[in-house]
PDB file of N, CA and C in Angstrom:
ATOM      1  N   MET A   1      18.122  35.761  13.573  1.00  0.00           N
ATOM      2  CA  MET A   1      19.295  34.982  14.053  1.00  0.00           C
ATOM      3  C   MET A   1      19.174  33.849  15.013  1.00  0.00           C
ATOM      4  N   ARG A   2      18.114  33.910  15.647  1.00  0.00           N
ATOM      5  CA  ARG A   2      17.589  33.298  17.119  1.00  0.00           C
ATOM      6  C   ARG A   2      17.103  31.880  16.091  1.00  0.00           C
ATOM      7  N   TRP A   3      16.175  32.334  15.148  1.00  0.00           N
ATOM      8  CA  TRP A   3      15.795  30.647  14.624  1.00  0.00           C
ATOM      9  C   TRP A   3      16.604  29.983  13.818  1.00  0.00           C
ATOM     10  N   ALA A   4      17.550  30.544  13.768  1.00  0.00           N
ATOM     11  CA  ALA A   4      18.521  29.731  12.996  1.00  0.00           C
ATOM     12  C   ALA A   4      19.024  28.776  13.988  1.00  0.00           C
ATOM     13  N   TRP A   5      19.326  28.881  15.453  1.00  0.00           N
ATOM     14  CA  TRP A   5      19.802  28.041  16.614  1.00  0.00           C
ATOM     15  C   TRP A   5      18.613  26.827  16.712  1.00  0.00           C
ATOM     16  N   VAL A   6      17.618  27.527  16.628  1.00  0.00           N
ATOM     17  CA  VAL A   6      16.437  26.009  16.714  1.00  0.00           C
ATOM     18  C   VAL A   6      16.941  25.215  15.495  1.00  0.00           C
ATOM     19  N   ARG A   7      16.651  26.107  14.641  1.00  0.00           N
ATOM     20  CA  ARG A   7      16.003  24.924  13.090  1.00  0.00           C
ATOM     21  C   ARG A   7      17.324  24.225  13.016  1.00  0.00           C
ATOM     22  N   THR A   8      18.556  24.593  13.389  1.00  0.00           N
ATOM     23  CA  THR A   8      20.162  23.498  13.712  1.00  0.00           C
ATOM     24  C   THR A   8      19.804  22.745  14.814  1.00  0.00           C
ATOM     25  N   ALA A   9      19.157  22.739  15.966  1.00  0.00           N
ATOM     26  CA  ALA A   9      19.153  22.016  17.167  1.00  0.00           C
ATOM     27  C   ALA A   9      18.205  20.888  16.650  1.00  0.00           C
ATOM     28  N   THR A  10      16.929  21.312  15.756  1.00  0.00           N
ATOM     29  CA  THR A  10      15.933  20.331  15.246  1.00  0.00           C
ATOM     30  C   THR A  10      16.314  19.598  14.394  1.00  0.00           C
ATOM     31  N   VAL A  11      17.517  19.809  13.663  1.00  0.00           N
ATOM     32  CA  VAL A  11      17.968  19.045  12.638  1.00  0.00           C
ATOM     33  C   VAL A  11      19.244  18.005  13.383  1.00  0.00           C
ATOM     34  N   ILE A  12      19.954  18.533  14.350  1.00  0.00           N
ATOM     35  CA  ILE A  12      20.401  17.495  15.235  1.00  0.00           C
ATOM     36  C   ILE A  12      19.826  16.490  16.227  1.00  0.00           C
ATOM     37  N   VAL A  13      18.683  16.926  16.268  1.00  0.00           N
ATOM     38  CA  VAL A  13      18.115  16.004  17.292  1.00  0.00           C
ATOM     39  C   VAL A  13      17.352  14.829  16.314  1.00  0.00           C
ATOM     40  N   VAL A  14      16.705  15.153  15.081  1.00  0.00           N
ATOM     41  CA  VAL A  14      16.158  14.293  14.493  1.00  0.00           C
ATOM     42  C   VAL A  14      16.978  13.179  13.982  1.00  0.00           C
ATOM     43  N   ALA A  15      18.263  14.007  13.376  1.00  0.00           N
ATOM     44  CA  ALA A  15      19.220  12.941  12.769  1.00  0.00           C
ATOM     45  C   ALA A  15      19.900  11.873  13.609  1.00  0.00           C
ATOM     46  N   LEU A  16      20.103  12.301  15.131  1.00  0.00           N
ATOM     47  CA  LEU A  16      20.391  11.487  16.357  1.00  0.00           C
ATOM     48  C   LEU A  16      19.296  10.588  16.522  1.00  0.00           C
ATOM     49  N   VAL A  17      18.185  10.867  16.068  1.00  0.00           N
ATOM     50  CA  VAL A  17      17.023   9.775  16.664  1.00  0.00           C
ATOM     51  C   VAL A  17      17.278   8.872  15.201  1.00  0.00           C
ATOM     52  N   LEU A  18      16.845   9.773  13.838  1.00  0.00           N
ATOM     53  CA  LEU A  18      16.909   8.910  13.000  1.00  0.00           C
ATOM     54  C   LEU A  18      18.049   7.902  12.280  1.00  0.00           C
ATOM     55  N   LEU A  19      19.122   8.358  12.549  1.00  0.00           N
ATOM     56  CA  LEU A  19      20.124   7.955  11.600  1.00  0.00           C
ATOM     57  C   LEU A  19      20.188   6.390  12.793  1.00  0.00           C
ATOM     58  N   PRO A  20      20.493   6.145  14.028  1.00  0.00           N
ATOM     59  CA  PRO A  20      20.545   4.592  14.685  1.00  0.00           C
ATOM     60  C   PRO A  20      18.708   3.829  13.963  1.00  0.00           C
ATOM     61  N   LEU A  21      18.056   4.808  14.061  1.00  0.00           N
ATOM     62  CA  LEU A  21      16.308   3.843  13.980  1.00  0.00           C
ATOM     63  C   LEU A  21      16.978   3.260  12.192  1.00  0.00           C
ATOM     64  N   LEU A  22      17.233   4.275  11.283  1.00  0.00           N
ATOM     65  CA  LEU A  22      17.401   3.689  10.213  1.00  0.00           C
ATOM     66  C   LEU A  22      18.679   2.601   9.713  1.00  0.00           C
ATOM     67  N   THR A  23      19.477   2.913  10.799  1.00  0.00           N
ATOM     68  CA  THR A  23      20.597   1.802  10.525  1.00  0.00           C
ATOM     69  C   THR A  23      19.961   0.592  10.766  1.00  0.00           C
ATOM     70  N   LEU A  24      19.078   0.100  11.950  1.00  0.00           N
ATOM     71  CA  LEU A  24      18.516  -0.764  12.594  1.00  0.00           C
ATOM     72  C   LEU A  24      17.547  -1.488  11.288  1.00  0.00           C
ATOM     73  N   TYR A  25      16.441  -0.449  10.685  1.00  0.00           N
ATOM     74  CA  TYR A  25      16.068  -0.780   9.573  1.00  0.00           C
ATOM     75  C   TYR A  25      16.576  -1.383   8.689  1.00  0.00           C
ATOM     76  N   ALA A  26      18.018  -1.280   8.173  1.00  0.00           N
ATOM     77  CA  ALA A  26      18.716  -2.111   7.181  1.00  0.00           C
ATOM     78  C   ALA A  26      19.319  -3.099   7.879  1.00  0.00           C
ATOM     79  N   TYR A  27      19.419  -2.958   8.768  1.00  0.00           N
ATOM     80  CA  TYR A  27      20.216  -4.189   9.650  1.00  0.00           C
ATOM     81  C   TYR A  27      19.334  -5.506   9.561  1.00  0.00           C
ATOM     82  N   LEU A  28      18.152  -4.890   9.896  1.00  0.00           N
ATOM     83  CA  LEU A  28      17.207  -6.353   9.962  1.00  0.00           C
ATOM     84  C   LEU A  28      16.743  -6.517   8.700  1.00  0.00           C
ATOM     85  N   LEU A  29      16.552  -5.740   7.695  1.00  0.00           N
ATOM     86  CA  LEU A  29      16.439  -6.081   6.339  1.00  0.00           C
ATOM     87  C   LEU A  29      17.222  -6.958   6.036  1.00  0.00           C
ATOM     88  N   LEU A  30      18.845  -6.500   5.927  1.00  0.00           N
ATOM     89  CA  LEU A  30      19.748  -7.463   5.538  1.00  0.00           C
ATOM     90  C   LEU A  30      19.491  -8.888   6.177  1.00  0.00           C
ATOM     91  N   TRP A  31      19.591  -8.846   7.342  1.00  0.00           N
ATOM     92  CA  TRP A  31      18.868 -10.375   8.402  1.00  0.00           C
ATOM     93  C   TRP A  31      18.155 -10.999   7.441  1.00  0.00           C
ATOM     94  N   PHE A  32      17.238 -10.671   7.264  1.00  0.00           N
ATOM     95  CA  PHE A  32      15.893 -11.014   7.113  1.00  0.00           C
ATOM     96  C   PHE A  32      15.773 -11.570   5.477  1.00  0.00           C
ATOM     97  N   LEU A  33      16.611 -10.429   4.622  1.00  0.00           N
ATOM     98  CA  LEU A  33      16.384 -10.967   3.144  1.00  0.00           C
ATOM     99  C   LEU A  33      16.257 -11.988   2.558  1.00  0.00           C
ATOM    100  N   PRO A  34      17.121 -12.839   3.121  1.00  0.00           N
ATOM    101  CA  PRO A  34      16.824 -14.393   2.356  1.00  0.00           C
ATOM    102  C   PRO A  34      15.910 -15.388   2.918  1.00  0.00           C
ATOM    103  N   ASP A  35      15.189 -14.804   3.755  1.00  0.00           N
ATOM    104  CA  ASP A  35      14.144 -15.492   4.280  1.00  0.00           C
ATOM    105  C   ASP A  35      12.906 -14.856   3.313  1.00  0.00           C
ATOM    106  N   LEU A  36      12.571 -13.304   3.266  1.00  0.00           N
ATOM    107  CA  LEU A  36      12.169 -12.927   2.510  1.00  0.00           C
ATOM    108  C   LEU A  36      11.927 -13.067   1.200  1.00  0.00           C
ATOM    109  N   THR A  37      12.771 -13.186   0.274  1.00  0.00           N
ATOM    110  CA  THR A  37      12.941 -13.628  -0.990  1.00  0.00           C
ATOM    111  C   THR A  37      12.905 -15.389  -1.305  1.00  0.00           C
ATOM    112  N   SER A  38      12.770 -15.907  -0.038  1.00  0.00           N
ATOM    113  CA  SER A  38      12.877 -17.515  -0.454  1.00  0.00           C
ATOM    114  C   SER A  38      11.972 -18.043  -1.338  1.00  0.00           C
ATOM    115  N   ASN A  39      10.890 -17.695  -0.738  1.00  0.00           N
ATOM    116  CA  ASN A  39       9.575 -18.385  -1.617  1.00  0.00           C
ATOM    117  C   ASN A  39       8.424 -17.333  -1.802  1.00  0.00           C
ATOM    118  N   VAL A  40       7.558 -17.670  -2.384  1.00  0.00           N
ATOM    119  CA  VAL A  40       6.246 -16.709  -2.742  1.00  0.00           C
ATOM    120  C   VAL A  40       5.596 -16.356  -1.643  1.00  0.00           C
ATOM    121  N   ARG A  41       5.297 -17.380  -0.546  1.00  0.00           N
ATOM    122  CA  ARG A  41       4.480 -17.175   0.752  1.00  0.00           C
ATOM    123  C   ARG A  41       5.045 -16.001   1.382  1.00  0.00           C
ATOM    124  N   SER A  42       6.386 -15.880   1.715  1.00  0.00           N
ATOM    125  CA  SER A  42       7.007 -14.893   2.160  1.00  0.00           C
ATOM    126  C   SER A  42       6.717 -13.390   1.777  1.00  0.00           C
ATOM    127  N   ALA A  43       6.800 -13.427   0.389  1.00  0.00           N
ATOM    128  CA  ALA A  43       6.815 -12.285  -0.058  1.00  0.00           C
ATOM    129  C   ALA A  43       5.506 -11.828  -0.416  1.00  0.00           C
ATOM    130  N   LEU A  44       4.809 -12.613  -0.291  1.00  0.00           N
ATOM    131  CA  LEU A  44       3.175 -12.423  -0.227  1.00  0.00           C
ATOM    132  C   LEU A  44       2.595 -11.870   1.012  1.00  0.00           C
ATOM    133  N   TRP A  45       3.468 -12.269   2.400  1.00  0.00           N
ATOM    134  CA  TRP A  45       3.309 -11.956   3.790  1.00  0.00           C
ATOM    135  C   TRP A  45       3.852 -10.588   3.832  1.00  0.00           C
ATOM    136  N   LEU A  46       4.820 -10.116   3.353  1.00  0.00           N
ATOM    137  CA  LEU A  46       5.787  -9.079   3.125  1.00  0.00           C
ATOM    138  C   LEU A  46       4.861  -7.557   2.497  1.00  0.00           C
ATOM    139  N   VAL A  47       4.179  -8.357   1.451  1.00  0.00           N
ATOM    140  CA  VAL A  47       3.261  -7.275   0.757  1.00  0.00           C
ATOM    141  C   VAL A  47       2.128  -6.847   1.558  1.00  0.00           C
ATOM    142  N   THR A  48       1.775  -7.912   2.237  1.00  0.00           N
ATOM    143  CA  THR A  48       0.236  -7.888   2.797  1.00  0.00           C
ATOM    144  C   THR A  48       0.403  -6.973   4.087  1.00  0.00           C
ATOM    145  N   PHE A  49       1.999  -7.634   4.764  1.00  0.00           N
ATOM    146  CA  PHE A  49       2.070  -6.744   6.130  1.00  0.00           C
ATOM    147  C   PHE A  49       2.779  -5.129   5.791  1.00  0.00           C
ATOM    148  N   ARG A  50       3.356  -4.657   4.545  1.00  0.00           N
ATOM    149  CA  ARG A  50       3.069  -3.130   4.045  1.00  0.00           C
ATOM    150  C   ARG A  50       1.505  -2.746   3.918  1.00  0.00           C
ATOM    151  N   PHE A  51       0.716  -3.371   3.596  1.00  0.00           N
ATOM    152  CA  PHE A  51      -0.376  -2.735   3.519  1.00  0.00           C
ATOM    153  C   PHE A  51      -1.332  -2.931   4.854  1.00  0.00           C
TER     154      PHE A  51
END
């Protein structure tokens, strides 16, 4: 029973950290999407940056 609280607390803390971070990533992706898809050079930069 004690470990259930540890798992629950861990999930809550991880969710509180990851939710704003993923929201920021989604916002930045939508903000820069026109620049990333406007020409081939930007798309090449995106592929290069990923690896």
